[in-house]
Structures are given as structure tokens and as C-alpha cells.
Amino acid sequence: MQMKTRRKELMEKASKIKSLDNSPVNERQLLVLRMIYDEITMYPCEAWMVLVAIIIHRAYKQVKNWFSNERQKNKPMKDTINTVPCETEEGDKVRMRNTALSVCQEWSDSFFEEVAMIYNYRVQRNSHFREEVIRRPPTISDLHA
């Protein structure tokens, strides 16, 4: 029961995120979506798409459409060869990438959320670092410090 309550709360939170329907994802959002698609699953369950929407601050509908569009674009590549049907700890059926299963055999909402949040944080941190380098390129003394 606790899981259903949490999922409902997360869906309510995600549904409050407003973004223009046709607005493109920014670089950070794209990197997070791409990592999930390429490394974890092409078919995230509803709960995971809700988490992604919250983490990258995009409307749930846009996240759902992004995965659908990406699968359509890559359909000729028979991308399902590298996926394995699995069941999450919460009982959702998800086709997981072999790379994701090599990291963890039993995925859950909380584990997925942690992975996505950590990746989002790293992308954000790296983009701030790049912006700092552009504003003030490193000097020789920086390199010797």
C-alpha cells in the first residue's frame, strides 16, 4: 500500500510540471534520457517515466512521448536484441538492457531513481564546470596547482 501511495504522490508531482508541448529538451535532459534509453531500458514503466519527468523537470507526457519517438526512430535497428524481460521489485514488467542487469540484477523504483538522480547530478556538475572553463580558461598555474 505504501508503494501505491508514493507512486500516486509522484504522479501528482509530475503532473504539475508544465512545459511547452513542442519545446525541445535541453542538453542535460537529453543526456539523462539518452543514458536511460541506451544503458537501462528502452521501455521504462510508468513509475520510472514519472521519476524521470521529476528529475529532469519535464512534463510526464513529454517524457513518455520521447521514449516512444526514440523507439520509432530506432525500430529498424532491432534494438530489442540486447534486452531481457524482467520484473522490478514492485512487480512491473520491464525490458532491461544487459548493461543494466550487469550492474544490478534486481531493479526497483528507488534504485532506478538513485541511478537517474546521480547521472543527472553529474551531467549538471560537468556542465557547470564547462561553463566555468569557458568564462575563465585554466592558466598554467592552475595546471600546476
C-alpha atoms as a PDB file:
ATOM      1  CA  MET A   1       0.000   0.000   0.000  1.00  0.00           C
ATOM      2  CA  GLN A   2       2.855   2.374   0.811  1.00  0.00           C
ATOM      3  CA  MET A   3       4.284   1.911  -2.706  1.00  0.00           C
ATOM      4  CA  LYS A   4       0.937   2.806  -4.333  1.00  0.00           C
ATOM      5  CA  THR A   5       0.666   5.927  -2.188  1.00  0.00           C
ATOM      6  CA  ARG A   6       4.198   7.033  -3.084  1.00  0.00           C
ATOM      7  CA  ARG A   7       3.608   6.391  -6.790  1.00  0.00           C
ATOM      8  CA  LYS A   8       0.369   8.381  -6.658  1.00  0.00           C
ATOM      9  CA  GLU A   9       2.142  11.287  -4.937  1.00  0.00           C
ATOM     10  CA  LEU A  10       4.921  11.218  -7.528  1.00  0.00           C
ATOM     11  CA  MET A  11       2.413  11.183 -10.399  1.00  0.00           C
ATOM     12  CA  GLU A  12       0.668  14.215  -8.878  1.00  0.00           C
ATOM     13  CA  LYS A  13       4.022  15.987  -8.567  1.00  0.00           C
ATOM     14  CA  ALA A  14       4.965  15.115 -12.163  1.00  0.00           C
ATOM     15  CA  SER A  15       1.582  16.260 -13.484  1.00  0.00           C
ATOM     16  CA  LYS A  16       2.227  19.723 -12.018  1.00  0.00           C
ATOM     17  CA  ILE A  17       5.347  20.170 -14.160  1.00  0.00           C
ATOM     18  CA  LYS A  18       4.451  22.482 -17.012  1.00  0.00           C
ATOM     19  CA  SER A  19       6.492  22.824 -20.171  1.00  0.00           C
ATOM     20  CA  LEU A  20       5.567  23.792 -23.698  1.00  0.00           C
ATOM     21  CA  ASP A  21       4.373  20.785 -25.692  1.00  0.00           C
ATOM     22  CA  ASN A  22       6.765  21.243 -28.589  1.00  0.00           C
ATOM     23  CA  SER A  23       9.725  22.619 -26.678  1.00  0.00           C
ATOM     24  CA  PRO A  24      12.907  20.648 -27.297  1.00  0.00           C
ATOM     25  CA  VAL A  25      14.735  19.039 -24.408  1.00  0.00           C
ATOM     26  CA  ASN A  26      17.855  20.837 -23.262  1.00  0.00           C
ATOM     27  CA  GLU A  27      21.299  19.206 -23.323  1.00  0.00           C
ATOM     28  CA  ARG A  28      21.133  17.937 -19.729  1.00  0.00           C
ATOM     29  CA  GLN A  29      17.655  16.480 -20.182  1.00  0.00           C
ATOM     30  CA  LEU A  30      18.695  14.795 -23.413  1.00  0.00           C
ATOM     31  CA  LEU A  31      21.789  13.251 -21.829  1.00  0.00           C
ATOM     32  CA  VAL A  32      19.725  11.793 -18.975  1.00  0.00           C
ATOM     33  CA  LEU A  33      17.023  10.463 -21.312  1.00  0.00           C
ATOM     34  CA  ARG A  34      19.644   9.035 -23.668  1.00  0.00           C
ATOM     35  CA  MET A  35      21.523   7.302 -20.819  1.00  0.00           C
ATOM     36  CA  ILE A  36      18.320   5.657 -19.586  1.00  0.00           C
ATOM     37  CA  TYR A  37      17.367   4.591 -23.113  1.00  0.00           C
ATOM     38  CA  ASP A  38      20.839   3.313 -24.058  1.00  0.00           C
ATOM     39  CA  GLU A  39      22.002   1.852 -20.750  1.00  0.00           C
ATOM     40  CA  ILE A  40      18.927   0.843 -18.725  1.00  0.00           C
ATOM     41  CA  THR A  41      15.761   0.358 -20.765  1.00  0.00           C
ATOM     42  CA  MET A  42      14.007   1.471 -23.927  1.00  0.00           C
ATOM     43  CA  TYR A  43      10.707   0.641 -22.206  1.00  0.00           C
ATOM     44  CA  PRO A  44      10.597   2.278 -18.775  1.00  0.00           C
ATOM     45  CA  CYS A  45       7.454   1.508 -16.804  1.00  0.00           C
ATOM     46  CA  GLU A  46       5.074   4.350 -15.962  1.00  0.00           C
ATOM     47  CA  ALA A  47       6.548   4.805 -12.478  1.00  0.00           C
ATOM     48  CA  TRP A  48      10.052   5.201 -13.902  1.00  0.00           C
ATOM     49  CA  MET A  49       8.888   7.711 -16.527  1.00  0.00           C
ATOM     50  CA  VAL A  50       7.274   9.706 -13.716  1.00  0.00           C
ATOM     51  CA  LEU A  51      10.587   9.701 -11.833  1.00  0.00           C
ATOM     52  CA  VAL A  52      12.455  10.821 -14.952  1.00  0.00           C
ATOM     53  CA  ALA A  53       9.953  13.640 -15.506  1.00  0.00           C
ATOM     54  CA  ILE A  54      10.521  14.889 -11.959  1.00  0.00           C
ATOM     55  CA  ILE A  55      14.309  14.523 -12.082  1.00  0.00           C
ATOM     56  CA  ILE A  56      14.769  16.357 -15.397  1.00  0.00           C
ATOM     57  CA  HIS A  57      11.800  18.682 -14.814  1.00  0.00           C
ATOM     58  CA  ARG A  58       9.812  17.833 -17.956  1.00  0.00           C
ATOM     59  CA  ALA A  59       6.124  17.061 -18.288  1.00  0.00           C
ATOM     60  CA  TYR A  60       5.375  13.343 -17.884  1.00  0.00           C
ATOM     61  CA  LYS A  61       3.634  13.295 -21.271  1.00  0.00           C
ATOM     62  CA  GLN A  62       6.775  14.681 -22.934  1.00  0.00           C
ATOM     63  CA  VAL A  63       8.993  12.038 -21.322  1.00  0.00           C
ATOM     64  CA  LYS A  64       6.591   9.303 -22.397  1.00  0.00           C
ATOM     65  CA  ASN A  65       6.491  10.693 -25.955  1.00  0.00           C
ATOM     66  CA  TRP A  66      10.290  10.990 -26.075  1.00  0.00           C
ATOM     67  CA  PHE A  67      10.725   7.259 -25.357  1.00  0.00           C
ATOM     68  CA  SER A  68       8.015   6.340 -27.864  1.00  0.00           C
ATOM     69  CA  ASN A  69       9.544   8.543 -30.577  1.00  0.00           C
ATOM     70  CA  GLU A  70      13.022   7.218 -29.858  1.00  0.00           C
ATOM     71  CA  ARG A  71      11.837   3.616 -30.217  1.00  0.00           C
ATOM     72  CA  GLN A  72      10.182   4.502 -33.536  1.00  0.00           C
ATOM     73  CA  LYS A  73      13.364   6.156 -34.832  1.00  0.00           C
ATOM     74  CA  ASN A  74      15.459   3.141 -33.877  1.00  0.00           C
ATOM     75  CA  LYS A  75      12.966   0.445 -34.884  1.00  0.00           C
ATOM     76  CA  PRO A  76      14.913  -0.755 -37.934  1.00  0.00           C
ATOM     77  CA  MET A  77      17.942  -1.427 -35.722  1.00  0.00           C
ATOM     78  CA  LYS A  78      16.229  -4.317 -33.863  1.00  0.00           C
ATOM     79  CA  ASP A  79      17.335  -2.829 -30.548  1.00  0.00           C
ATOM     80  CA  THR A  80      15.409  -5.431 -28.554  1.00  0.00           C
ATOM     81  CA  ILE A  81      18.202  -7.975 -29.105  1.00  0.00           C
ATOM     82  CA  ASN A  82      20.105  -6.540 -26.135  1.00  0.00           C
ATOM     83  CA  THR A  83      17.118  -6.531 -23.771  1.00  0.00           C
ATOM     84  CA  VAL A  84      15.855  -9.068 -21.258  1.00  0.00           C
ATOM     85  CA  PRO A  85      12.288  -9.180 -19.909  1.00  0.00           C
ATOM     86  CA  CYS A  86      12.422  -8.594 -16.149  1.00  0.00           C
ATOM     87  CA  GLU A  87      10.167  -7.802 -13.256  1.00  0.00           C
ATOM     88  CA  THR A  88      11.025  -4.959 -10.890  1.00  0.00           C
ATOM     89  CA  GLU A  89      10.802  -5.372  -7.132  1.00  0.00           C
ATOM     90  CA  GLU A  90       7.451  -3.569  -7.347  1.00  0.00           C
ATOM     91  CA  GLY A  91       6.142  -6.102  -9.875  1.00  0.00           C
ATOM     92  CA  ASP A  92       6.375  -4.016 -13.066  1.00  0.00           C
ATOM     93  CA  LYS A  93       7.433  -5.806 -16.226  1.00  0.00           C
ATOM     94  CA  VAL A  94      10.337  -4.011 -17.912  1.00  0.00           C
ATOM     95  CA  ARG A  95      12.665  -4.959 -20.756  1.00  0.00           C
ATOM     96  CA  MET A  96      16.068  -4.225 -19.276  1.00  0.00           C
ATOM     97  CA  ARG A  97      19.337  -3.730 -21.114  1.00  0.00           C
ATOM     98  CA  ASN A  98      22.033  -6.320 -20.465  1.00  0.00           C
ATOM     99  CA  THR A  99      24.316  -3.496 -19.298  1.00  0.00           C
ATOM    100  CA  ALA A 100      21.826  -2.537 -16.581  1.00  0.00           C
ATOM    101  CA  LEU A 101      21.465  -6.124 -15.417  1.00  0.00           C
ATOM    102  CA  SER A 102      25.239  -6.473 -15.193  1.00  0.00           C
ATOM    103  CA  VAL A 103      25.172  -3.624 -12.651  1.00  0.00           C
ATOM    104  CA  CYS A 104      22.191  -4.900 -10.660  1.00  0.00           C
ATOM    105  CA  GLN A 105      20.005  -7.976 -11.136  1.00  0.00           C
ATOM    106  CA  GLU A 106      17.008  -6.654  -9.170  1.00  0.00           C
ATOM    107  CA  TRP A 107      15.932  -3.142 -10.093  1.00  0.00           C
ATOM    108  CA  SER A 108      13.413  -1.182  -8.036  1.00  0.00           C
ATOM    109  CA  ASP A 109      11.857   2.276  -8.237  1.00  0.00           C
ATOM    110  CA  SER A 110      14.273   3.550  -5.587  1.00  0.00           C
ATOM    111  CA  PHE A 111      17.365   2.083  -7.275  1.00  0.00           C
ATOM    112  CA  PHE A 112      16.299   3.470 -10.663  1.00  0.00           C
ATOM    113  CA  GLU A 113      15.649   6.870  -9.064  1.00  0.00           C
ATOM    114  CA  GLU A 114      19.108   6.881  -7.450  1.00  0.00           C
ATOM    115  CA  VAL A 115      20.839   5.989 -10.727  1.00  0.00           C
ATOM    116  CA  ALA A 116      18.926   8.661 -12.671  1.00  0.00           C
ATOM    117  CA  MET A 117      19.476  11.320  -9.993  1.00  0.00           C
ATOM    118  CA  ILE A 118      23.203  10.612  -9.729  1.00  0.00           C
ATOM    119  CA  TYR A 119      23.595  10.762 -13.501  1.00  0.00           C
ATOM    120  CA  ASN A 120      21.571  13.994 -13.670  1.00  0.00           C
ATOM    121  CA  TYR A 121      23.758  15.487 -10.921  1.00  0.00           C
ATOM    122  CA  ARG A 122      26.967  14.506 -12.713  1.00  0.00           C
ATOM    123  CA  VAL A 123      25.754  15.976 -16.006  1.00  0.00           C
ATOM    124  CA  GLN A 124      24.758  19.189 -14.225  1.00  0.00           C
ATOM    125  CA  ARG A 125      28.067  19.407 -12.367  1.00  0.00           C
ATOM    126  CA  ASN A 126      30.057  18.803 -15.557  1.00  0.00           C
ATOM    127  CA  SER A 127      28.086  21.452 -17.455  1.00  0.00           C
ATOM    128  CA  HIS A 128      28.799  23.990 -14.682  1.00  0.00           C
ATOM    129  CA  PHE A 129      32.482  23.071 -14.894  1.00  0.00           C
ATOM    130  CA  ARG A 130      32.458  23.562 -18.694  1.00  0.00           C
ATOM    131  CA  GLU A 131      30.761  26.955 -18.283  1.00  0.00           C
ATOM    132  CA  GLU A 132      33.430  27.984 -15.771  1.00  0.00           C
ATOM    133  CA  VAL A 133      36.216  26.925 -18.154  1.00  0.00           C
ATOM    134  CA  ILE A 134      34.628  28.922 -20.983  1.00  0.00           C
ATOM    135  CA  ARG A 135      34.345  32.031 -18.777  1.00  0.00           C
ATOM    136  CA  ARG A 136      37.862  31.690 -17.399  1.00  0.00           C
ATOM    137  CA  PRO A 137      40.087  29.207 -19.229  1.00  0.00           C
ATOM    138  CA  PRO A 138      42.624  27.470 -16.980  1.00  0.00           C
ATOM    139  CA  THR A 139      46.037  29.080 -16.716  1.00  0.00           C
ATOM    140  CA  ILE A 140      49.381  27.323 -16.422  1.00  0.00           C
ATOM    141  CA  SER A 141      49.384  27.985 -12.678  1.00  0.00           C
ATOM    142  CA  ASP A 142      46.003  26.204 -12.456  1.00  0.00           C
ATOM    143  CA  LEU A 143      47.533  23.164 -14.106  1.00  0.00           C
ATOM    144  CA  HIS A 144      50.429  23.053 -11.621  1.00  0.00           C
ATOM    145  CA  ALA A 145      48.251  23.534  -8.553  1.00  0.00           C
END
